């Protein structure tokens, strides 16, 4: 009789925990990066009221007789299934498509989250909504050293792409074979020195009886182009004042005069104009000189047992002894999902399932409350045996 009272109390407590977990899931149905939880029950200790018997030739064996002492919460499991994607259009909103976590620094501790609603603060640090700093690797001259320990992601608005001296240029197009001997064509392009100072590279094409001569008046470099049925014979690379000018793509068909210096590899210094985040977590800056360069890369974290992580609030998790050691890597590599810029991973809570769990927990609570009232009525009858 008293055992049933305590069994009912344990049922009330356990189903109250189920109600608490279900209520928290429903409350976070619109929390980006939230992972729902579920309660697992197990029976408590059982009291042995009859020992088992050993079978022999005279009598059969006897099973143990036990009376259970109620229910208890075995554990609360976190569901790490992928949540649905919600497009936001913000370039700093990131969704992990697959496994992995973002690593963020909160004070002196590194935490892990699936919520990718990031932004840049006044100092250029990439931060979460609560101010935790996103971890990753900085780039040096466009190269990211992912072998080092991750640090704070910082994007300076004053970032500058250094000037590049012009070392090569490309000439393409057609020189008309029908041009008169002695006719000249002049083509110019802007080139740069190591400091980014611009100057003009000018090439003069002169028609000869055998083809075309090309020269750079500034440096005195000269060369000759020869054609066979419009196709260039041999090819020419002209060293013009420290710039290697490739003319192998020039043709010599009739009529058309389309020859031009189409490209050169130098650039003046450029200021950062915009940035984007690729699916491997690289932060790529676009500069005013037309150059694009990797400025940093966001780090990813994974665990052998993600369900062993401890929730610490703010949709963040802390590593525990049962989660395994953290493994850092890059998005898109083995064991890590890719990143989707301009989208967030929403909560993976299934409202239909949670409301069903709410009903189940409520009925379980009511049934255990009935155990207590029934046991109380029996006790009342017992106390009234003597009147």
Foldseek 3Di string as FASTA:
>chain_A
DVLLQQQLVQLLVALVVQLVLLVVLVVQQFPFQDWGKGWDKDFDDWAWPADWAPQDPPDGIGDTDTHTRHMHTPDIWTDPDFFDKDFFQFQQFKAFDDDFWWWWADPNDIWTTRGRQWDADPQQWIADPVGTGTWFFFDDLQHTDRVDDIDTDGDDQFDKDAWFFWQEWEKAEEDAPPDDAFDKDKAWDWTAHRQQDIDIFIKIWGQHPQGIKIATVVQGWIDGWGADQFQTPPFDFICHPNYTYGHNNYTYYHDDDDIYGDDTDTWHMWGFDDWHADFFQWIWTATPRRDIGTGIGGKIKAWPAVRQWDDDDPNITDDDPPRHDIDIDIDPDPPGGTMDGRMTRTYRRDVVVSVVSNVVSVVSSVVSVVSNVVVVVVVVVVVVPDD
